[in-house]
Amino acid sequence: MNISVANIETLKLADAEAVLKDVAAELVAGKAAPYLGPGLLELSSPAIPVTPEGLAAFFGTKVALPKRAKGNAWASAQHIESMKHRSTVSALMAEAFAPPVPPLPFHTFLAGLNLPLIVDTWYDGAMRSALEGREGWGEAQGITRAGIGEDRWYRFYDAAGNETDRAAAETWTTVLYKPHGSVAPAKNWLISDADYVEVLTEIDIQTPIPDVVKNRRTERSFLFLGCRFHDQMLRTYARQVTKRSRLPHFAIVDEAVLTKNELRFLLTHAITPIAMPLPKALDIIMSVAA
């Protein structure tokens, strides 16, 4: 198939709202899992970077970056790590994501559904904050293997923020999966190119993904919200986290910024794009449970 951005016209659903309501019903029933991107946070204008490019710009205000690293969060972090120290990268990440991000109504909505699995791909703690005060949930986070001297790819944290183990994770009603780490509760960061070298080597055989996530995705499809796939890293993670899950998937997209690579990725991996403003899509989803 000759794929171009213009083909998005052929991918628009005849009745997008009706289809989204069906997907929302699957979500509410726990048969679909939300896959949240940082674009969700743009709806509240928080005081943190809300795109990889924004995070790279933040790094650029702290350290002089070479041209090749500008605009690329992972390359920027790698330059800082190489020129200074890993501790500098960690400190800058902690500074960038220190401002608390209040949960959006949609975060609160998801928290009330007792979903088996929520994937959240940014570094903020909004989804965790929405879950606080509820019972039967915990979090799995990707971690850097740089300098830890351990053969581990992730850590588990209970609702109180205490580190726990995979046996405990299996008992949780809701697993919040943060594949790139998070500011809360322990400031785990997968961010530099070096962080991802081993992960990307192993991710095709799924080793860096917790078993509890692999088990729970099997009977579920995914709904992508606030996500972009314009970078190979973002596409790789989306592909591997959703591997062996139930098809088809759906994604709310902004056709005005959708790139050729993004469209190809969506079509290749059975992700149906729904061209709709994100605020409208969230309202429709929440109305299903009203």
C-alpha atoms as a PDB file:
ATOM      1  CA  MET A   1       0.000   0.000   0.000  1.00  0.00           C
ATOM      2  CA  ASN A   2       1.269   3.466  -0.876  1.00  0.00           C
ATOM      3  CA  ILE A   3       0.996   5.231   2.469  1.00  0.00           C
ATOM      4  CA  SER A   4       0.862   8.993   2.707  1.00  0.00           C
ATOM      5  CA  VAL A   5      -0.500  11.439   5.215  1.00  0.00           C
ATOM      6  CA  ALA A   6      -3.269  12.213   2.719  1.00  0.00           C
ATOM      7  CA  ASN A   7      -4.570   8.673   3.252  1.00  0.00           C
ATOM      8  CA  ILE A   8      -5.860   9.748   6.663  1.00  0.00           C
ATOM      9  CA  GLU A   9      -8.992  10.809   4.782  1.00  0.00           C
ATOM     10  CA  THR A  10      -9.642   7.146   3.984  1.00  0.00           C
ATOM     11  CA  LEU A  11      -9.058   6.172   7.602  1.00  0.00           C
ATOM     12  CA  LYS A  12     -11.598   8.521   9.113  1.00  0.00           C
ATOM     13  CA  LEU A  13     -14.412   6.456  10.507  1.00  0.00           C
ATOM     14  CA  ALA A  14     -17.864   7.043   9.088  1.00  0.00           C
ATOM     15  CA  ASP A  15     -19.198   7.353  12.594  1.00  0.00           C
ATOM     16  CA  ALA A  16     -16.181   8.036  14.783  1.00  0.00           C
ATOM     17  CA  GLU A  17     -18.225   8.905  17.865  1.00  0.00           C
ATOM     18  CA  ALA A  18     -20.186   5.665  17.712  1.00  0.00           C
ATOM     19  CA  VAL A  19     -17.023   3.625  17.285  1.00  0.00           C
ATOM     20  CA  LEU A  20     -15.329   5.453  20.149  1.00  0.00           C
ATOM     21  CA  LYS A  21     -18.324   4.760  22.379  1.00  0.00           C
ATOM     22  CA  ASP A  22     -17.933   1.054  21.620  1.00  0.00           C
ATOM     23  CA  VAL A  23     -14.227   1.238  22.465  1.00  0.00           C
ATOM     24  CA  ALA A  24     -15.046   3.166  25.644  1.00  0.00           C
ATOM     25  CA  ALA A  25     -17.471   0.431  26.678  1.00  0.00           C
ATOM     26  CA  GLU A  26     -14.644  -2.077  26.247  1.00  0.00           C
ATOM     27  CA  LEU A  27     -12.414   0.151  28.364  1.00  0.00           C
ATOM     28  CA  VAL A  28     -14.978   0.477  31.147  1.00  0.00           C
ATOM     29  CA  ALA A  29     -15.444  -3.312  31.102  1.00  0.00           C
ATOM     30  CA  GLY A  30     -11.684  -3.860  31.482  1.00  0.00           C
ATOM     31  CA  LYS A  31     -11.391  -5.405  28.017  1.00  0.00           C
ATOM     32  CA  ALA A  32      -9.255  -2.548  26.718  1.00  0.00           C
ATOM     33  CA  ALA A  33      -6.305  -0.900  28.442  1.00  0.00           C
ATOM     34  CA  PRO A  34      -5.499   2.818  28.262  1.00  0.00           C
ATOM     35  CA  TYR A  35      -2.066   3.724  26.914  1.00  0.00           C
ATOM     36  CA  LEU A  36      -1.414   7.289  28.016  1.00  0.00           C
ATOM     37  CA  GLY A  37       1.035   9.691  26.432  1.00  0.00           C
ATOM     38  CA  PRO A  38       2.232  13.121  27.579  1.00  0.00           C
ATOM     39  CA  GLY A  39      -0.194  14.812  25.201  1.00  0.00           C
ATOM     40  CA  LEU A  40      -2.865  14.187  27.799  1.00  0.00           C
ATOM     41  CA  LEU A  41      -1.124  16.631  30.143  1.00  0.00           C
ATOM     42  CA  GLU A  42      -1.140  19.406  27.555  1.00  0.00           C
ATOM     43  CA  LEU A  43      -4.815  19.851  28.382  1.00  0.00           C
ATOM     44  CA  SER A  44      -3.894  21.319  31.778  1.00  0.00           C
ATOM     45  CA  SER A  45      -0.708  23.261  30.908  1.00  0.00           C
ATOM     46  CA  PRO A  46       1.358  21.919  33.827  1.00  0.00           C
ATOM     47  CA  ALA A  47       4.711  23.385  34.838  1.00  0.00           C
ATOM     48  CA  ILE A  48       6.635  20.401  33.488  1.00  0.00           C
ATOM     49  CA  PRO A  49       7.792  19.424  29.994  1.00  0.00           C
ATOM     50  CA  VAL A  50       4.959  17.615  28.206  1.00  0.00           C
ATOM     51  CA  THR A  51       6.766  16.436  25.077  1.00  0.00           C
ATOM     52  CA  PRO A  52      10.170  14.854  24.451  1.00  0.00           C
ATOM     53  CA  GLU A  53      11.052  18.003  22.517  1.00  0.00           C
ATOM     54  CA  GLY A  54      10.027  20.123  25.507  1.00  0.00           C
ATOM     55  CA  LEU A  55      12.217  18.023  27.765  1.00  0.00           C
ATOM     56  CA  ALA A  56      15.137  18.470  25.369  1.00  0.00           C
ATOM     57  CA  ALA A  57      14.518  22.224  25.436  1.00  0.00           C
ATOM     58  CA  PHE A  58      14.605  22.122  29.249  1.00  0.00           C
ATOM     59  CA  PHE A  59      17.974  20.369  29.129  1.00  0.00           C
ATOM     60  CA  GLY A  60      19.146  23.067  26.730  1.00  0.00           C
ATOM     61  CA  THR A  61      18.404  25.769  29.296  1.00  0.00           C
ATOM     62  CA  LYS A  62      20.724  24.039  31.768  1.00  0.00           C
ATOM     63  CA  VAL A  63      23.573  22.770  29.606  1.00  0.00           C
ATOM     64  CA  ALA A  64      24.997  23.861  26.248  1.00  0.00           C
ATOM     65  CA  LEU A  65      23.991  21.113  23.826  1.00  0.00           C
ATOM     66  CA  PRO A  66      25.611  20.212  20.509  1.00  0.00           C
ATOM     67  CA  LYS A  67      23.477  20.639  17.398  1.00  0.00           C
ATOM     68  CA  ARG A  68      22.956  16.872  17.017  1.00  0.00           C
ATOM     69  CA  ALA A  69      21.364  16.659  20.478  1.00  0.00           C
ATOM     70  CA  LYS A  70      19.069  19.673  20.304  1.00  0.00           C
ATOM     71  CA  GLY A  71      15.428  18.725  20.115  1.00  0.00           C
ATOM     72  CA  ASN A  72      16.098  15.114  21.082  1.00  0.00           C
ATOM     73  CA  ALA A  73      15.538  14.320  24.770  1.00  0.00           C
ATOM     74  CA  TRP A  74      17.449  11.041  24.703  1.00  0.00           C
ATOM     75  CA  ALA A  75      20.484  12.423  22.881  1.00  0.00           C
ATOM     76  CA  SER A  76      20.451  15.512  25.117  1.00  0.00           C
ATOM     77  CA  ALA A  77      20.479  13.376  28.249  1.00  0.00           C
ATOM     78  CA  GLN A  78      23.258  11.233  26.808  1.00  0.00           C
ATOM     79  CA  HIS A  79      25.412  14.285  26.076  1.00  0.00           C
ATOM     80  CA  ILE A  80      24.952  15.541  29.631  1.00  0.00           C
ATOM     81  CA  GLU A  81      25.718  12.118  31.057  1.00  0.00           C
ATOM     82  CA  SER A  82      28.860  11.802  28.930  1.00  0.00           C
ATOM     83  CA  MET A  83      30.160  15.333  29.520  1.00  0.00           C
ATOM     84  CA  LYS A  84      29.239  15.598  33.181  1.00  0.00           C
ATOM     85  CA  HIS A  85      27.857  12.650  35.157  1.00  0.00           C
ATOM     86  CA  ARG A  86      24.808  10.443  35.487  1.00  0.00           C
ATOM     87  CA  SER A  87      23.988  12.234  38.730  1.00  0.00           C
ATOM     88  CA  THR A  88      23.614  15.472  36.743  1.00  0.00           C
ATOM     89  CA  VAL A  89      21.059  13.867  34.442  1.00  0.00           C
ATOM     90  CA  SER A  90      19.141  12.493  37.429  1.00  0.00           C
ATOM     91  CA  ALA A  91      19.188  15.871  39.175  1.00  0.00           C
ATOM     92  CA  LEU A  92      17.937  17.681  36.066  1.00  0.00           C
ATOM     93  CA  MET A  93      15.145  15.148  35.581  1.00  0.00           C
ATOM     94  CA  ALA A  94      14.128  15.577  39.209  1.00  0.00           C
ATOM     95  CA  GLU A  95      14.078  19.349  38.702  1.00  0.00           C
ATOM     96  CA  ALA A  96      12.090  19.142  35.471  1.00  0.00           C
ATOM     97  CA  PHE A  97       9.386  16.962  37.013  1.00  0.00           C
ATOM     98  CA  ALA A  98       9.386  18.385  40.542  1.00  0.00           C
ATOM     99  CA  PRO A  99       6.239  20.544  40.071  1.00  0.00           C
ATOM    100  CA  PRO A 100       3.278  18.384  41.064  1.00  0.00           C
ATOM    101  CA  VAL A 101       0.796  17.663  38.297  1.00  0.00           C
ATOM    102  CA  PRO A 102      -2.796  17.497  39.575  1.00  0.00           C
ATOM    103  CA  PRO A 103      -4.778  14.628  38.042  1.00  0.00           C
ATOM    104  CA  LEU A 104      -7.071  15.553  35.210  1.00  0.00           C
ATOM    105  CA  PRO A 105     -10.710  14.508  35.463  1.00  0.00           C
ATOM    106  CA  PHE A 106      -9.821  11.732  33.050  1.00  0.00           C
ATOM    107  CA  HIS A 107      -7.114  10.392  35.391  1.00  0.00           C
ATOM    108  CA  THR A 108      -9.692  10.334  38.178  1.00  0.00           C
ATOM    109  CA  PHE A 109     -12.157   8.609  35.869  1.00  0.00           C
ATOM    110  CA  LEU A 110      -9.634   5.874  35.051  1.00  0.00           C
ATOM    111  CA  ALA A 111      -8.729   5.456  38.717  1.00  0.00           C
ATOM    112  CA  GLY A 112     -12.377   4.748  39.512  1.00  0.00           C
ATOM    113  CA  LEU A 113     -12.699   1.927  36.985  1.00  0.00           C
ATOM    114  CA  ASN A 114     -10.449  -0.574  38.806  1.00  0.00           C
ATOM    115  CA  LEU A 115      -8.806  -1.435  35.504  1.00  0.00           C
ATOM    116  CA  PRO A 116      -6.468  -4.437  35.370  1.00  0.00           C
ATOM    117  CA  LEU A 117      -3.804  -2.427  33.501  1.00  0.00           C
ATOM    118  CA  ILE A 118      -3.002   1.232  32.861  1.00  0.00           C
ATOM    119  CA  VAL A 119       0.087   2.120  30.811  1.00  0.00           C
ATOM    120  CA  ASP A 120       1.415   5.653  31.349  1.00  0.00           C
ATOM    121  CA  THR A 121       4.467   6.598  29.316  1.00  0.00           C
ATOM    122  CA  TRP A 122       5.490   9.983  30.754  1.00  0.00           C
ATOM    123  CA  TYR A 123       7.497  10.804  33.890  1.00  0.00           C
ATOM    124  CA  ASP A 124       4.855  12.702  35.872  1.00  0.00           C
ATOM    125  CA  GLY A 125       2.931  11.376  38.869  1.00  0.00           C
ATOM    126  CA  ALA A 126      -0.603  12.474  37.930  1.00  0.00           C
ATOM    127  CA  MET A 127      -1.996   8.983  37.382  1.00  0.00           C
ATOM    128  CA  ARG A 128      -0.455   7.770  40.619  1.00  0.00           C
ATOM    129  CA  SER A 129      -1.998  10.732  42.453  1.00  0.00           C
ATOM    130  CA  ALA A 130      -5.411   9.846  41.026  1.00  0.00           C
ATOM    131  CA  LEU A 131      -5.084   6.305  42.376  1.00  0.00           C
ATOM    132  CA  GLU A 132      -4.019   7.383  45.869  1.00  0.00           C
ATOM    133  CA  GLY A 133      -6.562   6.579  48.555  1.00  0.00           C
ATOM    134  CA  ARG A 134      -7.844   3.564  46.652  1.00  0.00           C
ATOM    135  CA  GLU A 135      -7.068  -0.043  47.513  1.00  0.00           C
ATOM    136  CA  GLY A 136      -5.698  -2.915  45.487  1.00  0.00           C
ATOM    137  CA  TRP A 137      -3.270  -1.185  43.154  1.00  0.00           C
ATOM    138  CA  GLY A 138       0.434  -0.774  42.652  1.00  0.00           C
ATOM    139  CA  GLU A 139       2.993   0.321  40.122  1.00  0.00           C
ATOM    140  CA  ALA A 140       5.655  -1.268  37.928  1.00  0.00           C
ATOM    141  CA  GLN A 141       8.392   1.059  36.670  1.00  0.00           C
ATOM    142  CA  GLY A 142      11.170   0.661  34.171  1.00  0.00           C
ATOM    143  CA  ILE A 143      14.576   1.461  35.683  1.00  0.00           C
ATOM    144  CA  THR A 144      18.033   2.237  34.357  1.00  0.00           C
ATOM    145  CA  ARG A 145      20.538  -0.564  34.779  1.00  0.00           C
ATOM    146  CA  ALA A 146      23.418   1.906  34.708  1.00  0.00           C
ATOM    147  CA  GLY A 147      25.466   1.579  37.869  1.00  0.00           C
ATOM    148  CA  ILE A 148      22.934  -0.348  39.947  1.00  0.00           C
ATOM    149  CA  GLY A 149      24.889  -3.622  39.943  1.00  0.00           C
ATOM    150  CA  GLU A 150      21.654  -5.614  39.657  1.00  0.00           C
ATOM    151  CA  ASP A 151      20.184  -7.818  36.964  1.00  0.00           C
ATOM    152  CA  ARG A 152      16.822  -6.066  37.016  1.00  0.00           C
ATOM    153  CA  TRP A 153      14.829  -4.184  34.421  1.00  0.00           C
ATOM    154  CA  TYR A 154      12.021  -2.803  36.594  1.00  0.00           C
ATOM    155  CA  ARG A 155      10.855  -2.287  40.158  1.00  0.00           C
ATOM    156  CA  PHE A 156       7.483  -2.627  41.849  1.00  0.00           C
ATOM    157  CA  TYR A 157       5.944  -0.121  44.268  1.00  0.00           C
ATOM    158  CA  ASP A 158       2.813  -0.505  46.348  1.00  0.00           C
ATOM    159  CA  ALA A 159       0.154   2.152  46.872  1.00  0.00           C
ATOM    160  CA  ALA A 160       2.135   3.656  49.743  1.00  0.00           C
ATOM    161  CA  GLY A 161       5.216   4.030  47.566  1.00  0.00           C
ATOM    162  CA  ASN A 162       7.169   1.214  49.202  1.00  0.00           C
ATOM    163  CA  GLU A 163       9.198  -1.078  46.987  1.00  0.00           C
ATOM    164  CA  THR A 164       7.761  -4.578  46.801  1.00  0.00           C
ATOM    165  CA  ASP A 165       8.043  -7.662  44.599  1.00  0.00           C
ATOM    166  CA  ARG A 166       6.415  -9.375  41.649  1.00  0.00           C
ATOM    167  CA  ALA A 167       4.435 -11.725  43.876  1.00  0.00           C
ATOM    168  CA  ALA A 168       2.680  -8.738  45.416  1.00  0.00           C
ATOM    169  CA  ALA A 169       2.111  -7.239  41.977  1.00  0.00           C
ATOM    170  CA  GLU A 170       0.200 -10.314  40.862  1.00  0.00           C
ATOM    171  CA  THR A 171      -2.383  -9.651  43.584  1.00  0.00           C
ATOM    172  CA  TRP A 172      -3.135  -6.065  42.592  1.00  0.00           C
ATOM    173  CA  THR A 173      -6.494  -5.303  40.995  1.00  0.00           C
ATOM    174  CA  THR A 174      -4.887  -2.450  39.051  1.00  0.00           C
ATOM    175  CA  VAL A 175      -1.318  -2.364  37.756  1.00  0.00           C
ATOM    176  CA  LEU A 176      -0.019   1.060  36.734  1.00  0.00           C
ATOM    177  CA  TYR A 177       2.862   0.467  34.333  1.00  0.00           C
ATOM    178  CA  LYS A 178       5.364   3.288  33.799  1.00  0.00           C
ATOM    179  CA  PRO A 179       7.811   1.799  31.257  1.00  0.00           C
ATOM    180  CA  HIS A 180      10.169   4.800  31.256  1.00  0.00           C
ATOM    181  CA  GLY A 181      10.137   5.407  35.019  1.00  0.00           C
ATOM    182  CA  SER A 182       8.590   8.257  36.963  1.00  0.00           C
ATOM    183  CA  VAL A 183       9.293  11.063  39.389  1.00  0.00           C
ATOM    184  CA  ALA A 184       7.133   9.262  41.965  1.00  0.00           C
ATOM    185  CA  PRO A 185       7.690   7.533  44.234  1.00  0.00           C
ATOM    186  CA  ALA A 186      11.445   6.953  43.754  1.00  0.00           C
ATOM    187  CA  LYS A 187      12.700   9.016  40.779  1.00  0.00           C
ATOM    188  CA  ASN A 188      13.489   6.215  38.361  1.00  0.00           C
ATOM    189  CA  TRP A 189      14.551   7.519  34.960  1.00  0.00           C
ATOM    190  CA  LEU A 190      15.018   5.794  31.641  1.00  0.00           C
ATOM    191  CA  ILE A 191      16.129   8.782  29.604  1.00  0.00           C
ATOM    192  CA  SER A 192      19.623   8.675  28.074  1.00  0.00           C
ATOM    193  CA  ASP A 193      20.648   6.707  25.009  1.00  0.00           C
ATOM    194  CA  ALA A 194      22.809   4.568  27.294  1.00  0.00           C
ATOM    195  CA  ASP A 195      19.774   3.721  29.422  1.00  0.00           C
ATOM    196  CA  TYR A 196      18.035   2.312  26.375  1.00  0.00           C
ATOM    197  CA  VAL A 197      20.902   0.353  24.824  1.00  0.00           C
ATOM    198  CA  GLU A 198      20.350  -2.820  26.826  1.00  0.00           C
ATOM    199  CA  VAL A 199      16.586  -2.395  26.915  1.00  0.00           C
ATOM    200  CA  LEU A 200      16.297  -2.137  23.144  1.00  0.00           C
ATOM    201  CA  THR A 201      18.603  -5.128  22.770  1.00  0.00           C
ATOM    202  CA  GLU A 202      16.335  -7.261  24.927  1.00  0.00           C
ATOM    203  CA  ILE A 203      12.895  -5.788  24.386  1.00  0.00           C
ATOM    204  CA  ASP A 204      12.163  -7.839  21.291  1.00  0.00           C
ATOM    205  CA  ILE A 205      12.218 -10.952  23.480  1.00  0.00           C
ATOM    206  CA  GLN A 206      10.220  -9.023  26.085  1.00  0.00           C
ATOM    207  CA  THR A 207      12.641  -9.407  29.024  1.00  0.00           C
ATOM    208  CA  PRO A 208      12.372  -5.751  30.156  1.00  0.00           C
ATOM    209  CA  ILE A 209       8.569  -5.949  30.397  1.00  0.00           C
ATOM    210  CA  PRO A 210       7.168  -7.297  33.702  1.00  0.00           C
ATOM    211  CA  ASP A 211       5.326 -10.620  33.498  1.00  0.00           C
ATOM    212  CA  VAL A 212       2.298  -9.117  35.215  1.00  0.00           C
ATOM    213  CA  VAL A 213       1.992  -6.655  32.317  1.00  0.00           C
ATOM    214  CA  LYS A 214       2.503  -9.357  29.690  1.00  0.00           C
ATOM    215  CA  ASN A 215      -0.135 -11.537  31.318  1.00  0.00           C
ATOM    216  CA  ARG A 216      -2.740  -8.796  31.630  1.00  0.00           C
ATOM    217  CA  ARG A 217      -2.415  -7.484  28.086  1.00  0.00           C
ATOM    218  CA  THR A 218      -3.111 -10.868  26.485  1.00  0.00           C
ATOM    219  CA  GLU A 219      -6.902 -10.601  26.515  1.00  0.00           C
ATOM    220  CA  ARG A 220      -7.042  -6.843  26.034  1.00  0.00           C
ATOM    221  CA  SER A 221      -6.681  -4.318  23.266  1.00  0.00           C
ATOM    222  CA  PHE A 222      -5.199  -0.849  23.772  1.00  0.00           C
ATOM    223  CA  LEU A 223      -6.571   2.661  23.421  1.00  0.00           C
ATOM    224  CA  PHE A 224      -3.836   5.249  22.816  1.00  0.00           C
ATOM    225  CA  LEU A 225      -4.562   8.686  24.246  1.00  0.00           C
ATOM    226  CA  GLY A 226      -2.243  11.694  24.040  1.00  0.00           C
ATOM    227  CA  CYS A 227       0.407   9.655  22.217  1.00  0.00           C
ATOM    228  CA  ARG A 228       2.684  10.502  19.298  1.00  0.00           C
ATOM    229  CA  PHE A 229       4.707   7.988  17.297  1.00  0.00           C
ATOM    230  CA  HIS A 230       6.976  10.353  15.385  1.00  0.00           C
ATOM    231  CA  ASP A 231      10.151   8.962  16.980  1.00  0.00           C
ATOM    232  CA  GLN A 232      11.534   5.446  16.609  1.00  0.00           C
ATOM    233  CA  MET A 233      11.859   5.076  20.391  1.00  0.00           C
ATOM    234  CA  LEU A 234       8.174   5.827  20.903  1.00  0.00           C
ATOM    235  CA  ARG A 235       7.164   3.402  18.167  1.00  0.00           C
ATOM    236  CA  THR A 236       9.382   0.652  19.527  1.00  0.00           C
ATOM    237  CA  TYR A 237       7.939   0.872  23.018  1.00  0.00           C
ATOM    238  CA  ALA A 238       4.348   0.985  21.817  1.00  0.00           C
ATOM    239  CA  ARG A 239       4.933  -2.041  19.609  1.00  0.00           C
ATOM    240  CA  GLN A 240       6.642  -4.088  22.302  1.00  0.00           C
ATOM    241  CA  VAL A 241       4.371  -3.185  25.218  1.00  0.00           C
ATOM    242  CA  THR A 242       1.318  -4.146  23.171  1.00  0.00           C
ATOM    243  CA  LYS A 243       2.810  -7.277  21.622  1.00  0.00           C
ATOM    244  CA  ARG A 244       0.578 -10.385  21.798  1.00  0.00           C
ATOM    245  CA  SER A 245      -2.391  -8.347  22.996  1.00  0.00           C
ATOM    246  CA  ARG A 246      -5.892  -8.513  21.510  1.00  0.00           C
ATOM    247  CA  LEU A 247      -6.563  -6.669  18.258  1.00  0.00           C
ATOM    248  CA  PRO A 248      -7.599  -4.192  17.047  1.00  0.00           C
ATOM    249  CA  HIS A 249      -6.196  -1.201  18.885  1.00  0.00           C
ATOM    250  CA  PHE A 250      -7.405   2.395  18.555  1.00  0.00           C
ATOM    251  CA  ALA A 251      -5.666   5.768  18.782  1.00  0.00           C
ATOM    252  CA  ILE A 252      -7.008   9.295  19.045  1.00  0.00           C
ATOM    253  CA  VAL A 253      -4.959  11.297  16.548  1.00  0.00           C
ATOM    254  CA  ASP A 254      -4.581  14.869  15.381  1.00  0.00           C
ATOM    255  CA  GLU A 255      -4.535  14.539  11.608  1.00  0.00           C
ATOM    256  CA  ALA A 256      -2.995  18.012  11.270  1.00  0.00           C
ATOM    257  CA  VAL A 257       0.324  16.825  12.744  1.00  0.00           C
ATOM    258  CA  LEU A 258       0.271  13.123  11.845  1.00  0.00           C
ATOM    259  CA  THR A 259       3.465  12.187   9.998  1.00  0.00           C
ATOM    260  CA  LYS A 260       3.989   9.606   7.304  1.00  0.00           C
ATOM    261  CA  ASN A 261       5.954   7.408   9.710  1.00  0.00           C
ATOM    262  CA  GLU A 262       3.202   7.633  12.317  1.00  0.00           C
ATOM    263  CA  LEU A 263       0.541   6.672   9.820  1.00  0.00           C
ATOM    264  CA  ARG A 264       2.600   3.750   8.577  1.00  0.00           C
ATOM    265  CA  PHE A 265       3.116   2.588  12.156  1.00  0.00           C
ATOM    266  CA  LEU A 266      -0.613   2.740  12.910  1.00  0.00           C
ATOM    267  CA  LEU A 267      -1.558   0.793   9.816  1.00  0.00           C
ATOM    268  CA  THR A 268       1.171  -1.810  10.233  1.00  0.00           C
ATOM    269  CA  HIS A 269       0.189  -2.617  13.808  1.00  0.00           C
ATOM    270  CA  ALA A 270      -3.597  -2.711  13.455  1.00  0.00           C
ATOM    271  CA  ILE A 271      -4.109   0.559  15.317  1.00  0.00           C
ATOM    272  CA  THR A 272      -7.220   2.281  13.990  1.00  0.00           C
ATOM    273  CA  PRO A 273      -6.748   6.071  14.034  1.00  0.00           C
ATOM    274  CA  ILE A 274      -9.721   8.105  15.197  1.00  0.00           C
ATOM    275  CA  ALA A 275      -9.323  11.669  13.979  1.00  0.00           C
ATOM    276  CA  MET A 276     -10.883  13.671  16.776  1.00  0.00           C
ATOM    277  CA  PRO A 277      -9.792  16.423  19.205  1.00  0.00           C
ATOM    278  CA  LEU A 278      -8.536  14.801  22.385  1.00  0.00           C
ATOM    279  CA  PRO A 279     -10.811  16.797  24.777  1.00  0.00           C
ATOM    280  CA  LYS A 280     -13.876  15.689  22.800  1.00  0.00           C
ATOM    281  CA  ALA A 281     -12.685  12.078  22.819  1.00  0.00           C
ATOM    282  CA  LEU A 282     -12.183  12.124  26.592  1.00  0.00           C
ATOM    283  CA  ASP A 283     -15.667  13.562  27.111  1.00  0.00           C
ATOM    284  CA  ILE A 284     -17.176  10.783  24.995  1.00  0.00           C
ATOM    285  CA  ILE A 285     -15.253   8.094  26.872  1.00  0.00           C
ATOM    286  CA  MET A 286     -16.267   9.430  30.280  1.00  0.00           C
ATOM    287  CA  SER A 287     -19.899   9.811  29.199  1.00  0.00           C
ATOM    288  CA  VAL A 288     -20.148   6.067  28.604  1.00  0.00           C
ATOM    289  CA  ALA A 289     -19.800   5.375  32.322  1.00  0.00           C
ATOM    290  CA  ALA A 290     -22.027   8.277  33.378  1.00  0.00           C
END
